[in-house]
Amino acid sequence: MNKKLSLGTRFVLLSMIVFFVFLALTGSIYRYTAIRIEQNMSILTLLAGSYFFVQLILFLVVFKSYLPKSNFSWDNILTVSLFFLLISTVLSVNVSITATVLFVVLAVLFAIVKKKHFQPHPLFYFMAAYYLFQYVGLLWSIDPAYGWRFVGRGLSFIVLPLAFGFYSVSEEKKNLLLRIFFRFLEVYLLMVIVAYFYQVEFHKVDFGVGFHLKKNYFSSPVPPGVDYYLLLGWAGYNHPTFVSFILTLMFGIGFYLWRNDNSPQTVKISGFEMGFYGFMTAVVILLLQSRIGMIMFPFGIFLTLLYNLRKKKKLVLSVIVFSAFLVLSAGFYIYKNYRGYFYDRPREIQTDIVLSFLKDHYLLGTGTGGMKVLIPWFPTAHNQFLGDLFHLGIPGLLLLLALMSSSFYFACKDKNFLLLYFLLIYFVMMQIEMPLSLQKGITYFTLFTGLLLTPRPFGKETK
């Protein structure tokens, strides 16, 4: 490969070679073997594991000159554990929990060995107050048994800020972690396409079957009616909303690093990578049929454009006006032609139950975990603010507003584009889901705020 090409560009080209090899391998699997439906996901998982293993080995061989010399310092061990936590965001919930525990334990051990004091960012106290009030809500919960499970799920509000209060990630280390994670997602995106090709072969359908607005396009999903499981099940996690969120988030972070990273030009994220990543993200969100992803990703592109043009006021105004016109036009077109695709009767029923209950119980709500009694099939209000009012009444809503307001305050105060971008994308997701009530959503919030916050300077180590 041409030495003048950046590492990132060469990495993408190498990944594409692996991708096409595995596409050919997938075709061969169906040509010479007969796969039963009960074997579908297990063979795809094996294929995915082989894909990432081959990709890793080739990366180590081809780019070994760029790899830092390994040593077993505390800093390097913590960096590896934090990277493991980052990649767990698109893997199973159990992997995320394991990665969280590992990082927190190592951070505490690091503090003990280095004799570092706990120095939290002020945002930690807002997180702690929001979380601890869930315990107070157990006092009037109409389902305290489920409430205890709900409280346990939110423990990341305490433990991850605790870890970042002991271990401050330098700007250089942060950029390195985010660059590597960005490139991991480039491989992840290609693996989703391999999985799509695999399922197209398995179901014997046309390759273009997933490239339109149709929620279920495979004939025999496992479980029934959930096509995105067939594309993401190999990773142990298949929620299209949260996967789309991570892909959108890293698009904005990648864009920022492309424009602002002070690392050598050879290792920086390249413009070619950004174009590749953006295109692949759009394709994958469409294949996953993620409706919120179809809103979040264009919004992420809009935010990156505003950031890039922030010093050119006339251009910013033009982008805003043009974007508003596009949104109105797209909204009208979708309403006329695809209203049924975005309409969701179960969500409407859940919202009606929440609003009906709140007419007489808005002061204290159901209590922690009480939503399960009124919406037993899937306890959610599909809106974080409405859901917190439903769960914990006006005090719970006020604490949520305090948490989000303080987060935005620190992002704006420090002129921290990465944190602000994360919060804006997260805020969009909060209008349609209740991410702060789900394990993945809580991990996302605590992990990325802890990583992206501008750290307060640590005091001198005690001797």
Protein backbone atom coordinates (compact mmCIF):
# COMPACT_ATOMS: atom_id res chain seq x y z
CA MET A 1 0.00 0.00 0.00
CA ASN A 2 1.09 3.57 -0.65
CA LYS A 3 3.10 4.88 2.31
CA LYS A 4 1.74 8.37 1.65
CA LEU A 5 -1.76 7.27 2.57
CA SER A 6 -2.74 7.87 6.19
CA LEU A 7 -3.11 4.94 8.56
CA GLY A 8 -6.89 5.46 8.67
CA THR A 9 -7.29 5.36 4.87
CA ARG A 10 -5.14 2.24 4.62
CA PHE A 11 -7.09 0.68 7.48
CA VAL A 12 -10.36 1.20 5.59
CA LEU A 13 -8.92 -0.26 2.39
CA LEU A 14 -7.62 -3.29 4.28
CA SER A 15 -11.00 -3.70 5.98
CA MET A 16 -12.72 -3.63 2.60
CA ILE A 17 -10.49 -6.48 1.38
CA VAL A 18 -11.45 -8.56 4.44
CA PHE A 19 -15.09 -7.60 3.87
CA PHE A 20 -15.16 -8.87 0.27
CA VAL A 21 -13.35 -12.06 1.26
CA PHE A 22 -16.04 -12.77 3.84
CA LEU A 23 -18.81 -11.94 1.39
CA ALA A 24 -17.36 -14.61 -0.90
CA LEU A 25 -17.05 -16.97 2.06
CA THR A 26 -20.70 -16.40 2.95
CA GLY A 27 -21.75 -17.25 -0.59
CA SER A 28 -19.66 -20.43 -0.40
CA ILE A 29 -21.29 -21.47 2.88
CA TYR A 30 -24.69 -21.56 1.22
CA ARG A 31 -23.37 -23.14 -1.92
CA TYR A 32 -21.91 -26.17 -0.15
CA THR A 33 -23.94 -26.49 3.06
CA ALA A 34 -27.57 -26.52 4.15
CA ILE A 35 -28.19 -24.33 7.21
CA ARG A 36 -31.31 -24.99 9.28
CA ILE A 37 -33.18 -22.10 10.89
CA GLU A 38 -32.08 -23.11 14.40
CA GLN A 39 -28.44 -22.89 13.21
CA ASN A 40 -28.85 -19.48 11.61
CA MET A 41 -27.61 -17.22 14.40
CA SER A 42 -24.99 -19.60 15.82
CA ILE A 43 -23.24 -19.89 12.44
CA LEU A 44 -23.50 -16.12 11.90
CA THR A 45 -21.94 -15.55 15.33
CA LEU A 46 -19.09 -17.90 14.43
CA LEU A 47 -18.65 -16.04 11.15
CA ALA A 48 -18.56 -12.70 13.00
CA GLY A 49 -15.98 -13.96 15.48
CA SER A 50 -13.79 -15.17 12.61
CA TYR A 51 -14.25 -11.84 10.82
CA PHE A 52 -13.01 -9.78 13.77
CA PHE A 53 -10.18 -12.21 14.51
CA VAL A 54 -8.88 -12.03 10.93
CA GLN A 55 -9.24 -8.25 10.94
CA LEU A 56 -7.28 -7.98 14.19
CA ILE A 57 -4.45 -10.26 13.03
CA LEU A 58 -4.08 -8.38 9.74
CA PHE A 59 -4.10 -5.05 11.56
CA LEU A 60 -1.34 -6.21 13.93
CA VAL A 61 0.76 -7.48 11.02
CA VAL A 62 0.27 -4.56 8.62
CA PHE A 63 0.35 -1.71 11.14
CA LYS A 64 2.78 -3.08 13.72
CA SER A 65 5.12 -0.10 13.22
CA TYR A 66 2.38 2.24 14.50
CA LEU A 67 1.72 0.23 17.67
CA PRO A 68 3.16 1.62 20.93
CA LYS A 69 5.57 -0.59 22.83
CA SER A 70 3.58 -2.50 25.41
CA ASN A 71 4.29 -2.29 29.12
CA PHE A 72 2.21 -3.07 32.17
CA SER A 73 1.93 0.35 33.71
CA TRP A 74 -1.25 1.24 35.62
CA ASP A 75 -2.07 3.88 33.04
CA ASN A 76 -1.94 1.41 30.15
CA ILE A 77 -3.98 -1.19 32.03
CA LEU A 78 -6.69 1.37 32.77
CA THR A 79 -6.63 2.58 29.18
CA VAL A 80 -7.23 -0.96 27.90
CA SER A 81 -10.08 -1.50 30.38
CA LEU A 82 -11.66 1.79 29.32
CA PHE A 83 -11.42 0.79 25.66
CA PHE A 84 -13.05 -2.54 26.55
CA LEU A 85 -15.87 -0.52 28.13
CA LEU A 86 -16.21 1.58 24.96
CA ILE A 87 -16.53 -1.38 22.62
CA SER A 88 -18.99 -3.04 25.03
CA THR A 89 -21.48 -0.29 24.12
CA VAL A 90 -22.39 -2.29 20.99
CA LEU A 91 -22.07 -5.69 22.66
CA SER A 92 -24.34 -7.53 25.11
CA VAL A 93 -25.57 -5.92 28.31
CA ASN A 94 -23.70 -8.52 30.38
CA VAL A 95 -20.46 -7.62 28.60
CA SER A 96 -21.16 -3.94 29.38
CA ILE A 97 -21.70 -4.72 33.06
CA THR A 98 -18.50 -6.80 33.20
CA ALA A 99 -16.55 -4.03 31.46
CA THR A 100 -17.96 -1.43 33.87
CA VAL A 101 -17.04 -3.46 36.95
CA LEU A 102 -13.55 -4.12 35.59
CA PHE A 103 -12.88 -0.44 34.86
CA VAL A 104 -14.22 0.73 38.23
CA VAL A 105 -12.26 -1.86 40.22
CA LEU A 106 -9.04 -1.03 38.35
CA ALA A 107 -9.60 2.72 38.84
CA VAL A 108 -10.05 2.23 42.61
CA LEU A 109 -6.94 0.00 42.81
CA PHE A 110 -5.05 2.64 40.79
CA ALA A 111 -6.09 5.29 43.33
CA ILE A 112 -5.01 3.11 46.25
CA VAL A 113 -1.59 2.35 44.75
CA LYS A 114 -0.98 5.94 43.60
CA LYS A 115 -2.54 7.38 46.77
CA LYS A 116 -4.92 9.57 44.80
CA HIS A 117 -7.87 11.25 46.48
CA PHE A 118 -11.37 11.10 45.06
CA GLN A 119 -11.82 14.34 43.11
CA PRO A 120 -15.16 14.21 41.30
CA HIS A 121 -16.39 16.62 38.70
CA PRO A 122 -19.25 18.73 40.13
CA LEU A 123 -21.66 16.98 37.75
CA PHE A 124 -21.17 13.84 39.85
CA TYR A 125 -23.34 15.29 42.62
CA PHE A 126 -26.25 15.90 40.25
CA MET A 127 -25.96 12.31 39.00
CA ALA A 128 -25.83 11.01 42.56
CA ALA A 129 -28.87 13.06 43.63
CA TYR A 130 -30.87 11.89 40.61
CA TYR A 131 -29.98 8.25 41.31
CA LEU A 132 -30.44 8.30 45.08
CA PHE A 133 -33.93 9.76 44.74
CA GLN A 134 -34.90 6.45 43.10
CA TYR A 135 -34.46 4.90 46.56
CA VAL A 136 -36.75 7.53 48.06
CA GLY A 137 -39.36 6.66 45.43
CA LEU A 138 -39.48 3.09 46.81
CA LEU A 139 -41.36 4.47 49.82
CA TRP A 140 -44.56 4.93 47.79
CA SER A 141 -43.91 2.48 44.96
CA ILE A 142 -46.92 0.43 43.86
CA ASP A 143 -44.48 -2.35 42.90
CA PRO A 144 -41.48 -2.22 45.29
CA ALA A 145 -40.18 -5.65 44.17
CA TYR A 146 -39.65 -4.41 40.61
CA GLY A 147 -38.54 -1.06 42.04
CA TRP A 148 -35.49 -2.68 43.67
CA ARG A 149 -34.53 -4.19 40.32
CA PHE A 150 -34.98 -0.77 38.72
CA VAL A 151 -32.71 0.86 41.31
CA GLY A 152 -30.02 -1.79 40.83
CA ARG A 153 -29.97 -1.06 37.10
CA GLY A 154 -29.02 2.56 37.78
CA LEU A 155 -25.92 1.84 39.85
CA SER A 156 -23.74 3.13 36.99
CA PHE A 157 -24.82 6.65 38.03
CA ILE A 158 -22.54 6.17 41.04
CA VAL A 159 -19.79 3.74 40.03
CA LEU A 160 -18.66 5.20 36.69
CA PRO A 161 -18.39 8.81 37.96
CA LEU A 162 -16.55 7.30 40.93
CA ALA A 163 -14.00 5.73 38.58
CA PHE A 164 -13.51 8.97 36.65
CA GLY A 165 -13.12 10.79 39.97
CA PHE A 166 -10.05 8.65 40.66
CA TYR A 167 -8.67 8.49 37.13
CA SER A 168 -8.43 11.52 34.87
CA VAL A 169 -7.96 10.73 31.17
CA SER A 170 -5.53 13.05 29.41
CA GLU A 171 -6.56 14.78 26.18
CA GLU A 172 -4.00 12.79 24.20
CA LYS A 173 -5.17 9.47 25.68
CA LYS A 174 -8.81 10.39 25.15
CA ASN A 175 -8.22 11.17 21.48
CA LEU A 176 -6.33 7.89 21.05
CA LEU A 177 -9.19 5.89 22.62
CA LEU A 178 -11.82 7.63 20.50
CA ARG A 179 -9.79 7.17 17.28
CA ILE A 180 -9.42 3.44 17.93
CA PHE A 181 -13.10 3.07 18.86
CA PHE A 182 -14.08 4.97 15.71
CA ARG A 183 -12.07 2.48 13.64
CA PHE A 184 -13.54 -0.44 15.55
CA LEU A 185 -16.97 0.81 14.49
CA GLU A 186 -15.81 0.95 10.85
CA VAL A 187 -15.22 -2.80 11.08
CA TYR A 188 -18.50 -3.25 13.01
CA LEU A 189 -20.43 -1.48 10.22
CA LEU A 190 -18.91 -3.76 7.60
CA MET A 191 -19.78 -6.80 9.73
CA VAL A 192 -23.44 -5.69 9.80
CA ILE A 193 -23.40 -5.68 5.99
CA VAL A 194 -21.84 -9.17 6.00
CA ALA A 195 -24.67 -10.27 8.32
CA TYR A 196 -27.22 -8.71 5.96
CA PHE A 197 -25.71 -10.53 2.98
CA TYR A 198 -25.70 -13.75 5.03
CA GLN A 199 -29.43 -13.36 5.83
CA VAL A 200 -30.27 -12.47 2.23
CA GLU A 201 -28.63 -15.75 1.18
CA PHE A 202 -30.35 -17.67 3.99
CA HIS A 203 -33.82 -16.36 3.14
CA LYS A 204 -33.20 -16.53 -0.63
CA VAL A 205 -34.45 -12.99 -1.26
CA ASP A 206 -33.28 -10.12 -3.46
CA PHE A 207 -30.27 -8.16 -2.16
CA GLY A 208 -32.29 -4.91 -2.22
CA VAL A 209 -35.01 -6.22 0.09
CA GLY A 210 -33.86 -4.12 3.06
CA PHE A 211 -33.30 -0.85 1.22
CA HIS A 212 -36.76 0.64 1.70
CA LEU A 213 -39.08 1.61 4.55
CA LYS A 214 -40.47 -1.76 5.54
CA LYS A 215 -40.16 -2.91 9.15
CA ASN A 216 -40.12 -6.66 8.50
CA TYR A 217 -38.53 -7.80 5.28
CA PHE A 218 -37.17 -11.28 6.07
CA SER A 219 -39.59 -14.22 5.98
CA SER A 220 -38.50 -15.99 9.17
CA PRO A 221 -36.95 -13.64 11.73
CA VAL A 222 -35.71 -15.07 15.04
CA PRO A 223 -37.50 -14.03 17.25
CA PRO A 224 -40.59 -13.40 15.07
CA GLY A 225 -41.06 -9.89 13.74
CA VAL A 226 -37.66 -8.53 14.76
CA ASP A 227 -35.56 -8.33 11.60
CA TYR A 228 -32.80 -6.26 13.21
CA TYR A 229 -31.99 -9.21 15.48
CA LEU A 230 -30.84 -11.09 12.38
CA LEU A 231 -28.32 -8.34 11.61
CA LEU A 232 -27.09 -7.61 15.14
CA GLY A 233 -27.74 -10.79 17.13
CA TRP A 234 -24.14 -11.98 16.59
CA ALA A 235 -22.99 -9.11 18.87
CA GLY A 236 -25.32 -10.16 21.69
CA TYR A 237 -27.14 -6.83 21.49
CA ASN A 238 -29.67 -5.78 18.88
CA HIS A 239 -31.55 -2.66 20.01
CA PRO A 240 -31.51 -0.50 16.84
CA THR A 241 -32.11 2.75 18.74
CA PHE A 242 -29.02 2.45 20.91
CA VAL A 243 -26.84 1.11 18.10
CA SER A 244 -27.93 4.04 15.90
CA PHE A 245 -27.13 6.39 18.78
CA ILE A 246 -23.54 5.12 19.11
CA LEU A 247 -23.01 5.28 15.35
CA THR A 248 -24.34 8.85 15.24
CA LEU A 249 -22.33 9.89 18.27
CA MET A 250 -19.07 8.62 16.82
CA PHE A 251 -19.79 10.34 13.50
CA GLY A 252 -19.71 13.70 15.30
CA ILE A 253 -16.71 12.74 17.41
CA GLY A 254 -14.87 11.44 14.35
CA PHE A 255 -15.62 14.69 12.51
CA TYR A 256 -14.26 16.72 15.43
CA LEU A 257 -11.07 14.64 15.59
CA TRP A 258 -10.63 14.89 11.83
CA ARG A 259 -10.67 18.68 12.09
CA ASN A 260 -8.98 19.26 15.47
CA ASP A 261 -6.83 16.31 16.52
CA ASN A 262 -3.21 17.40 16.98
CA SER A 263 -1.86 13.89 16.45
CA PRO A 264 0.49 13.27 13.49
CA GLN A 265 -1.24 13.41 10.11
CA THR A 266 -0.38 9.77 9.48
CA VAL A 267 -2.53 8.47 12.36
CA LYS A 268 -5.34 11.03 12.39
CA ILE A 269 -8.82 10.20 11.17
CA SER A 270 -8.83 11.05 7.46
CA GLY A 271 -11.42 12.71 5.27
CA PHE A 272 -11.72 9.44 3.34
CA GLU A 273 -12.58 7.67 6.59
CA MET A 274 -15.23 10.25 7.43
CA GLY A 275 -16.92 9.83 4.05
CA PHE A 276 -16.77 6.04 4.37
CA TYR A 277 -18.08 6.04 7.94
CA GLY A 278 -20.92 8.46 7.15
CA PHE A 279 -22.07 6.46 4.11
CA MET A 280 -21.91 3.13 5.95
CA THR A 281 -23.78 4.53 8.95
CA ALA A 282 -26.61 5.77 6.71
CA VAL A 283 -26.84 2.33 5.03
CA VAL A 284 -26.84 0.41 8.33
CA ILE A 285 -29.47 2.65 9.96
CA LEU A 286 -31.70 2.06 6.94
CA LEU A 287 -31.15 -1.72 7.10
CA LEU A 288 -31.93 -1.71 10.83
CA GLN A 289 -35.12 0.23 10.06
CA SER A 290 -34.33 2.48 13.03
CA ARG A 291 -36.86 5.29 12.94
CA ILE A 292 -35.11 7.31 15.66
CA GLY A 293 -31.81 6.69 13.86
CA MET A 294 -33.30 8.28 10.75
CA ILE A 295 -33.85 11.39 12.86
CA MET A 296 -30.68 11.34 14.98
CA PHE A 297 -28.17 10.83 12.17
CA PRO A 298 -29.32 13.76 9.97
CA PHE A 299 -29.42 15.86 13.15
CA GLY A 300 -25.84 14.80 13.88
CA ILE A 301 -24.77 15.86 10.38
CA PHE A 302 -26.54 19.19 10.93
CA LEU A 303 -24.66 19.77 14.22
CA THR A 304 -21.28 18.99 12.65
CA LEU A 305 -22.01 21.42 9.82
CA LEU A 306 -22.90 24.15 12.32
CA TYR A 307 -19.70 23.49 14.23
CA ASN A 308 -17.58 23.60 11.08
CA LEU A 309 -19.19 26.85 9.91
CA ARG A 310 -19.49 28.46 13.38
CA LYS A 311 -17.27 31.42 12.47
CA LYS A 312 -19.22 32.19 9.29
CA LYS A 313 -22.52 33.60 10.51
CA LYS A 314 -24.12 34.01 7.10
CA LEU A 315 -23.36 30.42 6.16
CA VAL A 316 -24.69 29.19 9.53
CA LEU A 317 -27.95 31.03 8.92
CA SER A 318 -28.16 29.58 5.41
CA VAL A 319 -27.61 26.04 6.75
CA ILE A 320 -30.32 26.52 9.38
CA VAL A 321 -32.83 27.86 6.86
CA PHE A 322 -32.02 25.16 4.29
CA SER A 323 -32.20 22.43 6.96
CA ALA A 324 -35.57 23.72 8.17
CA PHE A 325 -36.84 23.60 4.59
CA LEU A 326 -35.55 20.01 4.19
CA VAL A 327 -37.17 18.93 7.46
CA LEU A 328 -40.53 20.42 6.50
CA SER A 329 -40.38 18.91 3.01
CA ALA A 330 -39.32 15.50 4.30
CA GLY A 331 -41.98 15.63 7.01
CA PHE A 332 -44.71 16.42 4.49
CA TYR A 333 -43.51 13.68 2.11
CA ILE A 334 -43.35 11.07 4.87
CA TYR A 335 -46.76 12.07 6.23
CA LYS A 336 -48.27 11.65 2.77
CA ASN A 337 -46.52 8.40 1.82
CA TYR A 338 -45.09 6.63 4.89
CA ARG A 339 -47.27 7.70 7.81
CA GLY A 340 -47.95 4.07 8.72
CA TYR A 341 -44.25 3.28 8.96
CA PHE A 342 -43.68 5.85 11.71
CA TYR A 343 -47.03 5.25 13.42
CA ASP A 344 -46.79 2.85 16.36
CA ARG A 345 -50.03 1.81 18.07
CA PRO A 346 -48.35 0.15 21.14
CA ARG A 347 -46.46 3.38 21.84
CA GLU A 348 -49.70 5.33 21.58
CA ILE A 349 -51.38 2.99 24.08
CA GLN A 350 -48.46 3.34 26.52
CA THR A 351 -48.56 7.14 26.28
CA ASP A 352 -52.34 7.18 26.84
CA ILE A 353 -51.93 5.08 30.01
CA VAL A 354 -49.23 7.42 31.31
CA LEU A 355 -51.23 10.60 30.63
CA SER A 356 -54.40 9.11 32.11
CA PHE A 357 -52.58 8.14 35.33
CA LEU A 358 -50.86 11.52 35.66
CA LYS A 359 -54.15 13.42 35.72
CA ASP A 360 -54.59 12.41 39.36
CA HIS A 361 -51.09 11.31 40.43
CA TYR A 362 -48.71 13.92 39.02
CA LEU A 363 -47.36 14.91 42.46
CA LEU A 364 -45.54 11.64 43.31
CA GLY A 365 -46.29 9.29 40.40
CA THR A 366 -46.23 5.50 40.68
CA GLY A 367 -43.10 5.37 42.81
CA THR A 368 -39.89 3.67 41.68
CA GLY A 369 -40.68 0.64 39.51
CA GLY A 370 -44.42 1.21 39.63
CA MET A 371 -44.72 1.64 35.89
CA LYS A 372 -44.51 -2.16 35.53
CA VAL A 373 -47.96 -2.56 37.13
CA LEU A 374 -49.69 -0.24 34.66
CA ILE A 375 -47.67 -1.19 31.55
CA PRO A 376 -46.74 -4.83 32.23
CA TRP A 377 -45.71 -5.79 28.65
CA PHE A 378 -42.94 -3.18 28.43
CA PRO A 379 -42.80 -0.47 31.10
CA THR A 380 -41.87 2.74 29.29
CA ALA A 381 -43.47 6.09 28.51
CA HIS A 382 -41.28 6.51 25.38
CA ASN A 383 -40.22 9.91 26.68
CA GLN A 384 -37.71 10.37 29.52
CA PHE A 385 -39.29 13.54 30.92
CA LEU A 386 -42.82 12.16 30.83
CA GLY A 387 -41.54 8.85 32.20
CA ASP A 388 -39.78 10.47 35.18
CA LEU A 389 -42.93 12.45 35.98
CA PHE A 390 -44.88 9.18 35.76
CA HIS A 391 -42.41 7.35 38.00
CA LEU A 392 -41.44 9.94 40.61
CA GLY A 393 -43.81 12.84 40.11
CA ILE A 394 -42.80 16.47 40.12
CA PRO A 395 -39.68 15.97 42.36
CA GLY A 396 -38.35 13.32 39.95
CA LEU A 397 -38.94 15.55 36.94
CA LEU A 398 -37.20 18.48 38.65
CA LEU A 399 -34.16 16.33 39.43
CA LEU A 400 -33.99 15.18 35.80
CA LEU A 401 -34.17 18.81 34.64
CA ALA A 402 -31.41 19.69 37.10
CA LEU A 403 -29.23 16.84 35.82
CA MET A 404 -29.66 17.75 32.16
CA SER A 405 -29.37 21.52 32.76
CA SER A 406 -26.14 21.09 34.73
CA SER A 407 -24.73 18.81 32.02
CA PHE A 408 -25.45 21.40 29.33
CA TYR A 409 -24.08 24.14 31.61
CA PHE A 410 -20.68 22.47 31.98
CA ALA A 411 -20.52 21.67 28.26
CA CYS A 412 -21.21 25.30 27.32
CA LYS A 413 -19.04 26.75 30.10
CA ASP A 414 -16.01 24.74 28.97
CA LYS A 415 -16.84 25.22 25.24
CA ASN A 416 -16.73 21.44 25.04
CA PHE A 417 -18.12 20.59 21.59
CA LEU A 418 -17.82 16.81 22.06
CA LEU A 419 -19.83 16.82 25.29
CA LEU A 420 -22.38 19.25 23.87
CA TYR A 421 -22.78 17.10 20.76
CA PHE A 422 -23.28 13.99 22.92
CA LEU A 423 -25.89 15.73 25.09
CA LEU A 424 -27.85 17.08 22.11
CA ILE A 425 -28.00 13.65 20.44
CA TYR A 426 -28.92 12.07 23.77
CA PHE A 427 -31.62 14.69 24.31
CA VAL A 428 -33.19 13.75 20.96
CA MET A 429 -33.24 10.10 22.03
CA MET A 430 -34.90 11.09 25.32
CA GLN A 431 -37.91 12.40 23.41
CA ILE A 432 -38.70 8.93 22.03
CA GLU A 433 -37.14 6.51 24.53
CA MET A 434 -36.35 6.40 28.26
CA PRO A 435 -32.58 5.79 28.05
CA LEU A 436 -31.96 6.77 31.69
CA SER A 437 -34.21 3.90 32.74
CA LEU A 438 -32.38 1.21 30.74
CA GLN A 439 -28.97 -0.32 31.49
CA LYS A 440 -27.47 0.58 28.11
CA GLY A 441 -28.80 4.13 28.22
CA ILE A 442 -27.47 4.72 31.74
CA THR A 443 -24.06 3.32 30.78
CA TYR A 444 -23.97 5.55 27.70
CA PHE A 445 -24.75 8.66 29.73
CA THR A 446 -22.32 8.04 32.58
CA LEU A 447 -19.51 6.69 30.37
CA PHE A 448 -19.50 9.46 27.78
CA THR A 449 -20.09 12.33 30.20
CA GLY A 450 -17.25 11.00 32.36
CA LEU A 451 -14.95 10.58 29.35
CA LEU A 452 -15.84 13.80 27.53
CA LEU A 453 -16.10 16.21 30.47
CA THR A 454 -13.26 18.67 30.77
CA PRO A 455 -11.53 17.26 33.87
CA ARG A 456 -10.83 19.36 36.90
CA PRO A 457 -7.07 19.46 37.67
CA PHE A 458 -6.03 16.82 40.15
CA GLY A 459 -4.19 17.84 43.27
CA LYS A 460 -0.76 16.57 44.16
CA GLU A 461 -0.48 12.94 45.09
CA THR A 462 -0.01 12.31 48.77
CA LYS A 463 3.17 10.62 49.78
